[in-house]
């Protein structure tokens, strides 16, 4: 993940899921995360499920707060190498566009 900033977005757990909310965070800023580590619990209309990290890296920012209800693809967190400064992360967040 050399010098990259990576978006962690609201996942889509089912065909009919349109939005979800973070019901708990399992990572703290600065923690090294491996692929498959549980980073959050995501609550939908039907279920609450653990969200496993799709990438490895350093957790730099939790963007969504517990209880925030967001559409699929919304930015909920940021992983970036330790060399990336906070201003770059702030800029990334400000410019993020959901897919």
PDB file of N, CA and C in Angstrom:
ATOM      1  N   UNK A   1       0.829  -1.187   0.000  1.00  0.00           N
ATOM      2  CA  UNK A   1       0.000   0.000   0.000  1.00  0.00           C
ATOM      3  C   UNK A   1       0.875   1.253   0.000  1.00  0.00           C
ATOM      4  N   UNK A   2       2.026   1.205  -0.581  1.00  0.00           N
ATOM      5  CA  UNK A   2       3.002   2.281  -0.530  1.00  0.00           C
ATOM      6  C   UNK A   2       2.417   3.618  -0.946  1.00  0.00           C
ATOM      7  N   UNK A   3       2.357   4.533   0.024  1.00  0.00           N
ATOM      8  CA  UNK A   3       1.933   5.912  -0.209  1.00  0.00           C
ATOM      9  C   UNK A   3       0.573   6.055  -0.883  1.00  0.00           C
ATOM     10  N   UNK A   4      -0.308   5.127  -0.677  1.00  0.00           N
ATOM     11  CA  UNK A   4      -1.654   5.206  -1.240  1.00  0.00           C
ATOM     12  C   UNK A   4      -2.647   5.593  -0.161  1.00  0.00           C
ATOM     13  N   UNK A   5      -3.739   6.201  -0.607  1.00  0.00           N
ATOM     14  CA  UNK A   5      -4.882   6.457   0.263  1.00  0.00           C
ATOM     15  C   UNK A   5      -6.020   5.615  -0.291  1.00  0.00           C
ATOM     16  N   UNK A   6      -6.629   4.800   0.557  1.00  0.00           N
ATOM     17  CA  UNK A   6      -7.671   3.882   0.113  1.00  0.00           C
ATOM     18  C   UNK A   6      -8.987   4.136   0.840  1.00  0.00           C
ATOM     19  N   UNK A   7     -10.043   4.224   0.061  1.00  0.00           N
ATOM     20  CA  UNK A   7     -11.383   4.423   0.600  1.00  0.00           C
ATOM     21  C   UNK A   7     -11.954   3.097   1.087  1.00  0.00           C
ATOM     22  N   UNK A   8     -12.558   3.123   2.245  1.00  0.00           N
ATOM     23  CA  UNK A   8     -13.346   1.995   2.741  1.00  0.00           C
ATOM     24  C   UNK A   8     -14.791   2.496   2.701  1.00  0.00           C
ATOM     25  N   UNK A   9     -15.616   1.801   1.938  1.00  0.00           N
ATOM     26  CA  UNK A   9     -16.975   2.284   1.681  1.00  0.00           C
ATOM     27  C   UNK A   9     -18.035   1.352   2.272  1.00  0.00           C
ATOM     28  N   UNK A  10     -19.235   1.904   2.374  1.00  0.00           N
ATOM     29  CA  UNK A  10     -20.361   1.112   2.867  1.00  0.00           C
ATOM     30  C   UNK A  10     -20.552  -0.066   1.921  1.00  0.00           C
ATOM     31  N   UNK A  11     -20.452  -1.285   2.451  1.00  0.00           N
ATOM     32  CA  UNK A  11     -20.579  -2.470   1.596  1.00  0.00           C
ATOM     33  C   UNK A  11     -22.033  -2.766   1.240  1.00  0.00           C
ATOM     34  N   UNK A  12     -22.200  -3.587   0.232  1.00  0.00           N
ATOM     35  CA  UNK A  12     -23.529  -4.073  -0.133  1.00  0.00           C
ATOM     36  C   UNK A  12     -23.576  -5.550   0.234  1.00  0.00           C
ATOM     37  N   UNK A  13     -24.365  -5.885   1.256  1.00  0.00           N
ATOM     38  CA  UNK A  13     -24.446  -7.255   1.750  1.00  0.00           C
ATOM     39  C   UNK A  13     -25.530  -8.081   1.085  1.00  0.00           C
ATOM     40  N   UNK A  14     -26.456  -7.463   0.378  1.00  0.00           N
ATOM     41  CA  UNK A  14     -27.532  -8.226  -0.249  1.00  0.00           C
ATOM     42  C   UNK A  14     -28.082  -7.486  -1.449  1.00  0.00           C
ATOM     43  N   UNK A  15     -28.833  -8.205  -2.267  1.00  0.00           N
ATOM     44  CA  UNK A  15     -29.366  -7.621  -3.502  1.00  0.00           C
ATOM     45  C   UNK A  15     -30.253  -6.415  -3.259  1.00  0.00           C
ATOM     46  N   UNK A  16     -31.008  -6.424  -2.173  1.00  0.00           N
ATOM     47  CA  UNK A  16     -31.960  -5.335  -1.931  1.00  0.00           C
ATOM     48  C   UNK A  16     -31.401  -4.247  -1.012  1.00  0.00           C
ATOM     49  N   UNK A  17     -30.203  -4.441  -0.490  1.00  0.00           N
ATOM     50  CA  UNK A  17     -29.625  -3.460   0.424  1.00  0.00           C
ATOM     51  C   UNK A  17     -29.312  -2.169  -0.326  1.00  0.00           C
ATOM     52  N   UNK A  18     -29.812  -1.050   0.192  1.00  0.00           N
ATOM     53  CA  UNK A  18     -29.554   0.263  -0.396  1.00  0.00           C
ATOM     54  C   UNK A  18     -28.763   1.166   0.530  1.00  0.00           C
ATOM     55  N   UNK A  19     -28.839   0.897   1.845  1.00  0.00           N
ATOM     56  CA  UNK A  19     -28.130   1.709   2.825  1.00  0.00           C
ATOM     57  C   UNK A  19     -27.838   0.868   4.056  1.00  0.00           C
ATOM     58  N   UNK A  20     -26.959   1.364   4.871  1.00  0.00           N
ATOM     59  CA  UNK A  20     -26.609   0.680   6.103  1.00  0.00           C
ATOM     60  C   UNK A  20     -26.046   1.688   7.089  1.00  0.00           C
ATOM     61  N   UNK A  21     -25.846   1.232   8.301  1.00  0.00           N
ATOM     62  CA  UNK A  21     -25.241   2.106   9.301  1.00  0.00           C
ATOM     63  C   UNK A  21     -24.167   1.352  10.060  1.00  0.00           C
ATOM     64  N   UNK A  22     -23.169   2.096  10.489  1.00  0.00           N
ATOM     65  CA  UNK A  22     -22.113   1.518  11.315  1.00  0.00           C
ATOM     66  C   UNK A  22     -22.676   1.401  12.720  1.00  0.00           C
ATOM     67  N   UNK A  23     -22.750   0.180  13.233  1.00  0.00           N
ATOM     68  CA  UNK A  23     -23.258   0.017  14.598  1.00  0.00           C
ATOM     69  C   UNK A  23     -22.120  -0.124  15.604  1.00  0.00           C
ATOM     70  N   UNK A  24     -20.895  -0.393  15.128  1.00  0.00           N
ATOM     71  CA  UNK A  24     -19.716  -0.451  16.001  1.00  0.00           C
ATOM     72  C   UNK A  24     -18.457  -0.419  15.141  1.00  0.00           C
ATOM     73  N   UNK A  25     -17.423   0.225  15.649  1.00  0.00           N
ATOM     74  CA  UNK A  25     -16.101   0.176  15.024  1.00  0.00           C
ATOM     75  C   UNK A  25     -15.226  -0.792  15.807  1.00  0.00           C
ATOM     76  N   UNK A  26     -14.402  -1.567  15.086  1.00  0.00           N
ATOM     77  CA  UNK A  26     -13.485  -2.510  15.724  1.00  0.00           C
ATOM     78  C   UNK A  26     -12.027  -2.147  15.473  1.00  0.00           C
ATOM     79  N   UNK A  27     -11.772  -0.976  14.886  1.00  0.00           N
ATOM     80  CA  UNK A  27     -10.409  -0.524  14.616  1.00  0.00           C
ATOM     81  C   UNK A  27     -10.215   0.867  15.207  1.00  0.00           C
ATOM     82  N   UNK A  28      -8.967   1.159  15.510  1.00  0.00           N
ATOM     83  CA  UNK A  28      -8.604   2.472  16.014  1.00  0.00           C
ATOM     84  C   UNK A  28      -7.584   3.086  15.072  1.00  0.00           C
ATOM     85  N   UNK A  29      -7.525   4.396  15.050  1.00  0.00           N
ATOM     86  CA  UNK A  29      -6.566   5.101  14.211  1.00  0.00           C
ATOM     87  C   UNK A  29      -5.156   4.614  14.536  1.00  0.00           C
ATOM     88  N   UNK A  30      -4.405   4.316  13.480  1.00  0.00           N
ATOM     89  CA  UNK A  30      -3.028   3.854  13.622  1.00  0.00           C
ATOM     90  C   UNK A  30      -2.865   2.348  13.648  1.00  0.00           C
ATOM     91  N   UNK A  31      -3.971   1.621  13.748  1.00  0.00           N
ATOM     92  CA  UNK A  31      -3.895   0.160  13.821  1.00  0.00           C
ATOM     93  C   UNK A  31      -3.609  -0.420  12.440  1.00  0.00           C
ATOM     94  N   UNK A  32      -2.733  -1.418  12.411  1.00  0.00           N
ATOM     95  CA  UNK A  32      -2.475  -2.152  11.180  1.00  0.00           C
ATOM     96  C   UNK A  32      -3.585  -3.172  10.998  1.00  0.00           C
ATOM     97  N   UNK A  33      -4.159  -3.182   9.801  1.00  0.00           N
ATOM     98  CA  UNK A  33      -5.298  -4.037   9.488  1.00  0.00           C
ATOM     99  C   UNK A  33      -4.895  -5.012   8.389  1.00  0.00           C
ATOM    100  N   UNK A  34      -5.262  -6.275   8.551  1.00  0.00           N
ATOM    101  CA  UNK A  34      -5.019  -7.298   7.531  1.00  0.00           C
ATOM    102  C   UNK A  34      -6.314  -7.562   6.773  1.00  0.00           C
ATOM    103  N   UNK A  35      -6.176  -8.070   5.565  1.00  0.00           N
ATOM    104  CA  UNK A  35      -7.362  -8.475   4.805  1.00  0.00           C
ATOM    105  C   UNK A  35      -8.134  -9.488   5.649  1.00  0.00           C
ATOM    106  N   UNK A  36      -9.432  -9.268   5.791  1.00  0.00           N
ATOM    107  CA  UNK A  36     -10.275 -10.184   6.550  1.00  0.00           C
ATOM    108  C   UNK A  36     -10.468  -9.808   8.008  1.00  0.00           C
ATOM    109  N   UNK A  37      -9.694  -8.841   8.522  1.00  0.00           N
ATOM    110  CA  UNK A  37      -9.922  -8.381   9.897  1.00  0.00           C
ATOM    111  C   UNK A  37     -11.276  -7.692   9.979  1.00  0.00           C
ATOM    112  N   UNK A  38     -11.984  -7.902  11.067  1.00  0.00           N
ATOM    113  CA  UNK A  38     -13.259  -7.217  11.263  1.00  0.00           C
ATOM    114  C   UNK A  38     -12.977  -5.769  11.624  1.00  0.00           C
ATOM    115  N   UNK A  39     -13.482  -4.856  10.799  1.00  0.00           N
ATOM    116  CA  UNK A  39     -13.244  -3.436  11.053  1.00  0.00           C
ATOM    117  C   UNK A  39     -14.477  -2.726  11.612  1.00  0.00           C
ATOM    118  N   UNK A  40     -15.659  -3.270  11.336  1.00  0.00           N
ATOM    119  CA  UNK A  40     -16.892  -2.626  11.806  1.00  0.00           C
ATOM    120  C   UNK A  40     -18.035  -3.620  11.782  1.00  0.00           C
ATOM    121  N   UNK A  41     -19.107  -3.271  12.482  1.00  0.00           N
ATOM    122  CA  UNK A  41     -20.380  -3.964  12.341  1.00  0.00           C
ATOM    123  C   UNK A  41     -21.286  -3.042  11.543  1.00  0.00           C
ATOM    124  N   UNK A  42     -21.910  -3.597  10.506  1.00  0.00           N
ATOM    125  CA  UNK A  42     -22.813  -2.836   9.648  1.00  0.00           C
ATOM    126  C   UNK A  42     -24.227  -3.360   9.864  1.00  0.00           C
ATOM    127  N   UNK A  43     -25.137  -2.441  10.153  1.00  0.00           N
ATOM    128  CA  UNK A  43     -26.532  -2.792  10.391  1.00  0.00           C
ATOM    129  C   UNK A  43     -27.371  -2.381   9.184  1.00  0.00           C
ATOM    130  N   UNK A  44     -28.225  -3.292   8.751  1.00  0.00           N
ATOM    131  CA  UNK A  44     -29.162  -3.015   7.658  1.00  0.00           C
ATOM    132  C   UNK A  44     -30.579  -3.210   8.204  1.00  0.00           C
ATOM    133  N   UNK A  45     -31.573  -3.086   7.326  1.00  0.00           N
ATOM    134  CA  UNK A  45     -32.953  -3.313   7.751  1.00  0.00           C
ATOM    135  C   UNK A  45     -33.169  -4.755   8.210  1.00  0.00           C
ATOM    136  N   UNK A  46     -32.349  -5.673   7.682  1.00  0.00           N
ATOM    137  CA  UNK A  46     -32.580  -7.094   7.936  1.00  0.00           C
ATOM    138  C   UNK A  46     -31.592  -7.743   8.889  1.00  0.00           C
ATOM    139  N   UNK A  47     -30.346  -7.230   8.963  1.00  0.00           N
ATOM    140  CA  UNK A  47     -29.314  -7.952   9.702  1.00  0.00           C
ATOM    141  C   UNK A  47     -28.193  -7.008  10.120  1.00  0.00           C
ATOM    142  N   UNK A  48     -27.451  -7.416  11.135  1.00  0.00           N
ATOM    143  CA  UNK A  48     -26.201  -6.757  11.492  1.00  0.00           C
ATOM    144  C   UNK A  48     -25.090  -7.761  11.220  1.00  0.00           C
ATOM    145  N   UNK A  49     -24.096  -7.330  10.434  1.00  0.00           N
ATOM    146  CA  UNK A  49     -23.011  -8.227  10.037  1.00  0.00           C
ATOM    147  C   UNK A  49     -21.663  -7.565  10.256  1.00  0.00           C
ATOM    148  N   UNK A  50     -20.666  -8.392  10.517  1.00  0.00           N
ATOM    149  CA  UNK A  50     -19.302  -7.894  10.604  1.00  0.00           C
ATOM    150  C   UNK A  50     -18.826  -7.531   9.205  1.00  0.00           C
ATOM    151  N   UNK A  51     -18.117  -6.429   9.097  1.00  0.00           N
ATOM    152  CA  UNK A  51     -17.529  -5.995   7.833  1.00  0.00           C
ATOM    153  C   UNK A  51     -16.044  -6.279   7.927  1.00  0.00           C
ATOM    154  N   UNK A  52     -15.579  -7.177   7.070  1.00  0.00           N
ATOM    155  CA  UNK A  52     -14.172  -7.549   7.047  1.00  0.00           C
ATOM    156  C   UNK A  52     -13.431  -6.671   6.055  1.00  0.00           C
ATOM    157  N   UNK A  53     -12.234  -6.263   6.439  1.00  0.00           N
ATOM    158  CA  UNK A  53     -11.455  -5.375   5.589  1.00  0.00           C
ATOM    159  C   UNK A  53     -11.148  -6.026   4.242  1.00  0.00           C
ATOM    160  N   UNK A  54     -11.422  -5.300   3.150  1.00  0.00           N
ATOM    161  CA  UNK A  54     -11.113  -5.821   1.828  1.00  0.00           C
ATOM    162  C   UNK A  54      -9.641  -5.642   1.448  1.00  0.00           C
ATOM    163  N   UNK A  55      -8.910  -4.823   2.216  1.00  0.00           N
ATOM    164  CA  UNK A  55      -7.499  -4.567   1.931  1.00  0.00           C
ATOM    165  C   UNK A  55      -6.694  -4.539   3.224  1.00  0.00           C
ATOM    166  N   UNK A  56      -5.386  -4.621   3.086  1.00  0.00           N
ATOM    167  CA  UNK A  56      -4.480  -4.496   4.230  1.00  0.00           C
ATOM    168  C   UNK A  56      -3.929  -3.080   4.256  1.00  0.00           C
ATOM    169  N   UNK A  57      -3.635  -2.596   5.436  1.00  0.00           N
ATOM    170  CA  UNK A  57      -3.041  -1.271   5.544  1.00  0.00           C
ATOM    171  C   UNK A  57      -3.135  -0.722   6.948  1.00  0.00           C
ATOM    172  N   UNK A  58      -2.937   0.573   7.063  1.00  0.00           N
ATOM    173  CA  UNK A  58      -3.023   1.271   8.339  1.00  0.00           C
ATOM    174  C   UNK A  58      -4.317   2.065   8.383  1.00  0.00           C
ATOM    175  N   UNK A  59      -5.105   1.848   9.435  1.00  0.00           N
ATOM    176  CA  UNK A  59      -6.372   2.571   9.592  1.00  0.00           C
ATOM    177  C   UNK A  59      -6.040   3.996   9.990  1.00  0.00           C
ATOM    178  N   UNK A  60      -6.468   4.943   9.164  1.00  0.00           N
ATOM    179  CA  UNK A  60      -6.129   6.336   9.415  1.00  0.00           C
ATOM    180  C   UNK A  60      -7.308   7.191   9.842  1.00  0.00           C
ATOM    181  N   UNK A  61      -8.522   6.815   9.433  1.00  0.00           N
ATOM    182  CA  UNK A  61      -9.659   7.661   9.793  1.00  0.00           C
ATOM    183  C   UNK A  61     -10.952   6.878   9.722  1.00  0.00           C
ATOM    184  N   UNK A  62     -11.775   7.008  10.754  1.00  0.00           N
ATOM    185  CA  UNK A  62     -13.159   6.541  10.712  1.00  0.00           C
ATOM    186  C   UNK A  62     -13.994   7.755  10.321  1.00  0.00           C
ATOM    187  N   UNK A  63     -14.578   7.726   9.137  1.00  0.00           N
ATOM    188  CA  UNK A  63     -15.318   8.872   8.615  1.00  0.00           C
ATOM    189  C   UNK A  63     -16.761   8.850   9.109  1.00  0.00           C
ATOM    190  N   UNK A  64     -17.378   7.694   9.087  1.00  0.00           N
ATOM    191  CA  UNK A  64     -18.757   7.560   9.560  1.00  0.00           C
ATOM    192  C   UNK A  64     -18.755   7.372  11.073  1.00  0.00           C
ATOM    193  N   UNK A  65     -19.723   7.976  11.708  1.00  0.00           N
ATOM    194  CA  UNK A  65     -19.908   7.786  13.146  1.00  0.00           C
ATOM    195  C   UNK A  65     -20.874   6.638  13.384  1.00  0.00           C
ATOM    196  N   UNK A  66     -20.785   6.034  14.552  1.00  0.00           N
ATOM    197  CA  UNK A  66     -21.730   4.983  14.917  1.00  0.00           C
ATOM    198  C   UNK A  66     -23.136   5.568  14.832  1.00  0.00           C
ATOM    199  N   UNK A  67     -24.017   4.851  14.128  1.00  0.00           N
ATOM    200  CA  UNK A  67     -25.395   5.279  13.965  1.00  0.00           C
ATOM    201  C   UNK A  67     -25.675   6.026  12.675  1.00  0.00           C
ATOM    202  N   UNK A  68     -24.624   6.492  11.975  1.00  0.00           N
ATOM    203  CA  UNK A  68     -24.834   7.172  10.694  1.00  0.00           C
ATOM    204  C   UNK A  68     -25.412   6.191   9.684  1.00  0.00           C
ATOM    205  N   UNK A  69     -26.536   6.546   9.070  1.00  0.00           N
ATOM    206  CA  UNK A  69     -27.131   5.730   8.013  1.00  0.00           C
ATOM    207  C   UNK A  69     -26.699   6.305   6.672  1.00  0.00           C
ATOM    208  N   UNK A  70     -26.027   5.472   5.863  1.00  0.00           N
ATOM    209  CA  UNK A  70     -25.425   5.939   4.617  1.00  0.00           C
ATOM    210  C   UNK A  70     -25.757   5.010   3.459  1.00  0.00           C
ATOM    211  N   UNK A  71     -25.852   5.572   2.244  1.00  0.00           N
ATOM    212  CA  UNK A  71     -26.082   4.734   1.060  1.00  0.00           C
ATOM    213  C   UNK A  71     -24.872   3.859   0.755  1.00  0.00           C
ATOM    214  N   UNK A  72     -25.114   2.758   0.053  1.00  0.00           N
ATOM    215  CA  UNK A  72     -24.045   1.885  -0.406  1.00  0.00           C
ATOM    216  C   UNK A  72     -23.019   2.718  -1.171  1.00  0.00           C
ATOM    217  N   UNK A  73     -21.746   2.454  -0.936  1.00  0.00           N
ATOM    218  CA  UNK A  73     -20.674   3.153  -1.631  1.00  0.00           C
ATOM    219  C   UNK A  73     -20.206   4.426  -0.953  1.00  0.00           C
ATOM    220  N   UNK A  74     -20.891   4.852   0.110  1.00  0.00           N
ATOM    221  CA  UNK A  74     -20.461   6.045   0.838  1.00  0.00           C
ATOM    222  C   UNK A  74     -19.166   5.769   1.589  1.00  0.00           C
ATOM    223  N   UNK A  75     -18.341   6.778   1.710  1.00  0.00           N
ATOM    224  CA  UNK A  75     -17.080   6.660   2.433  1.00  0.00           C
ATOM    225  C   UNK A  75     -17.356   6.497   3.918  1.00  0.00           C
ATOM    226  N   UNK A  76     -16.813   5.428   4.501  1.00  0.00           N
ATOM    227  CA  UNK A  76     -16.966   5.244   5.950  1.00  0.00           C
ATOM    228  C   UNK A  76     -15.627   5.267   6.672  1.00  0.00           C
ATOM    229  N   UNK A  77     -14.531   5.027   5.943  1.00  0.00           N
ATOM    230  CA  UNK A  77     -13.220   5.029   6.568  1.00  0.00           C
ATOM    231  C   UNK A  77     -12.115   5.189   5.539  1.00  0.00           C
ATOM    232  N   UNK A  78     -10.907   5.416   6.050  1.00  0.00           N
ATOM    233  CA  UNK A  78      -9.752   5.616   5.177  1.00  0.00           C
ATOM    234  C   UNK A  78      -8.570   4.817   5.708  1.00  0.00           C
ATOM    235  N   UNK A  79      -7.914   4.112   4.790  1.00  0.00           N
ATOM    236  CA  UNK A  79      -6.644   3.473   5.093  1.00  0.00           C
ATOM    237  C   UNK A  79      -5.582   4.150   4.243  1.00  0.00           C
ATOM    238  N   UNK A  80      -4.428   4.384   4.844  1.00  0.00           N
ATOM    239  CA  UNK A  80      -3.334   5.023   4.120  1.00  0.00           C
ATOM    240  C   UNK A  80      -2.026   4.678   4.812  1.00  0.00           C
ATOM    241  N   UNK A  81      -0.950   4.751   4.061  1.00  0.00           N
ATOM    242  CA  UNK A  81       0.365   4.499   4.648  1.00  0.00           C
ATOM    243  C   UNK A  81       0.672   5.590   5.672  1.00  0.00           C
ATOM    244  N   UNK A  82       1.481   5.262   6.659  1.00  0.00           N
ATOM    245  CA  UNK A  82       1.791   6.224   7.724  1.00  0.00           C
ATOM    246  C   UNK A  82       2.445   7.512   7.215  1.00  0.00           C
ATOM    247  N   UNK A  83       3.080   7.454   6.054  1.00  0.00           N
ATOM    248  CA  UNK A  83       3.764   8.630   5.512  1.00  0.00           C
ATOM    249  C   UNK A  83       2.792   9.702   5.016  1.00  0.00           C
ATOM    250  N   UNK A  84       1.554   9.315   4.750  1.00  0.00           N
ATOM    251  CA  UNK A  84       0.550  10.265   4.273  1.00  0.00           C
ATOM    252  C   UNK A  84       0.146  11.169   5.435  1.00  0.00           C
ATOM    253  N   UNK A  85       0.194  12.493   5.211  1.00  0.00           N
ATOM    254  CA  UNK A  85      -0.161  13.391   6.315  1.00  0.00           C
ATOM    255  C   UNK A  85      -1.675  13.616   6.372  1.00  0.00           C
ATOM    256  N   UNK A  86      -2.117  14.160   7.502  1.00  0.00           N
ATOM    257  CA  UNK A  86      -3.548  14.359   7.733  1.00  0.00           C
ATOM    258  C   UNK A  86      -4.177  15.296   6.710  1.00  0.00           C
ATOM    259  N   UNK A  87      -3.428  16.281   6.232  1.00  0.00           N
ATOM    260  CA  UNK A  87      -3.969  17.211   5.234  1.00  0.00           C
ATOM    261  C   UNK A  87      -4.308  16.477   3.940  1.00  0.00           C
ATOM    262  N   UNK A  88      -3.495  15.504   3.545  1.00  0.00           N
ATOM    263  CA  UNK A  88      -3.771  14.724   2.345  1.00  0.00           C
ATOM    264  C   UNK A  88      -5.021  13.871   2.544  1.00  0.00           C
ATOM    265  N   UNK A  89      -5.180  13.325   3.730  1.00  0.00           N
ATOM    266  CA  UNK A  89      -6.363  12.520   4.025  1.00  0.00           C
ATOM    267  C   UNK A  89      -7.604  13.412   4.032  1.00  0.00           C
ATOM    268  N   UNK A  90      -7.506  14.590   4.644  1.00  0.00           N
ATOM    269  CA  UNK A  90      -8.631  15.537   4.635  1.00  0.00           C
ATOM    270  C   UNK A  90      -9.037  15.877   3.208  1.00  0.00           C
ATOM    271  N   UNK A  91      -8.061  16.110   2.334  1.00  0.00           N
ATOM    272  CA  UNK A  91      -8.331  16.438   0.935  1.00  0.00           C
ATOM    273  C   UNK A  91      -8.995  15.269   0.220  1.00  0.00           C
ATOM    274  N   UNK A  92      -8.498  14.055   0.478  1.00  0.00           N
ATOM    275  CA  UNK A  92      -9.085  12.854  -0.114  1.00  0.00           C
ATOM    276  C   UNK A  92     -10.553  12.730   0.277  1.00  0.00           C
ATOM    277  N   UNK A  93     -10.848  12.923   1.569  1.00  0.00           N
ATOM    278  CA  UNK A  93     -12.225  12.824   2.059  1.00  0.00           C
ATOM    279  C   UNK A  93     -13.109  13.880   1.402  1.00  0.00           C
ATOM    280  N   UNK A  94     -12.602  15.111   1.320  1.00  0.00           N
ATOM    281  CA  UNK A  94     -13.383  16.208   0.744  1.00  0.00           C
ATOM    282  C   UNK A  94     -13.710  15.976  -0.723  1.00  0.00           C
ATOM    283  N   UNK A  95     -12.811  15.304  -1.448  1.00  0.00           N
ATOM    284  CA  UNK A  95     -12.995  15.088  -2.880  1.00  0.00           C
ATOM    285  C   UNK A  95     -13.660  13.753  -3.210  1.00  0.00           C
ATOM    286  N   UNK A  96     -13.880  12.901  -2.197  1.00  0.00           N
ATOM    287  CA  UNK A  96     -14.415  11.562  -2.455  1.00  0.00           C
ATOM    288  C   UNK A  96     -15.810  11.642  -3.068  1.00  0.00           C
ATOM    289  N   UNK A  97     -16.004  10.855  -4.105  1.00  0.00           N
ATOM    290  CA  UNK A  97     -17.297  10.725  -4.753  1.00  0.00           C
ATOM    291  C   UNK A  97     -17.714   9.262  -4.714  1.00  0.00           C
ATOM    292  N   UNK A  98     -18.871   8.928  -4.123  1.00  0.00           N
ATOM    293  CA  UNK A  98     -19.306   7.522  -4.095  1.00  0.00           C
ATOM    294  C   UNK A  98     -19.468   6.962  -5.503  1.00  0.00           C
ATOM    295  N   UNK A  99     -19.176   5.682  -5.644  1.00  0.00           N
ATOM    296  CA  UNK A  99     -19.316   5.036  -6.968  1.00  0.00           C
ATOM    297  C   UNK A  99     -20.671   4.403  -7.114  1.00  0.00           C
TER     298      UNK A  99
END
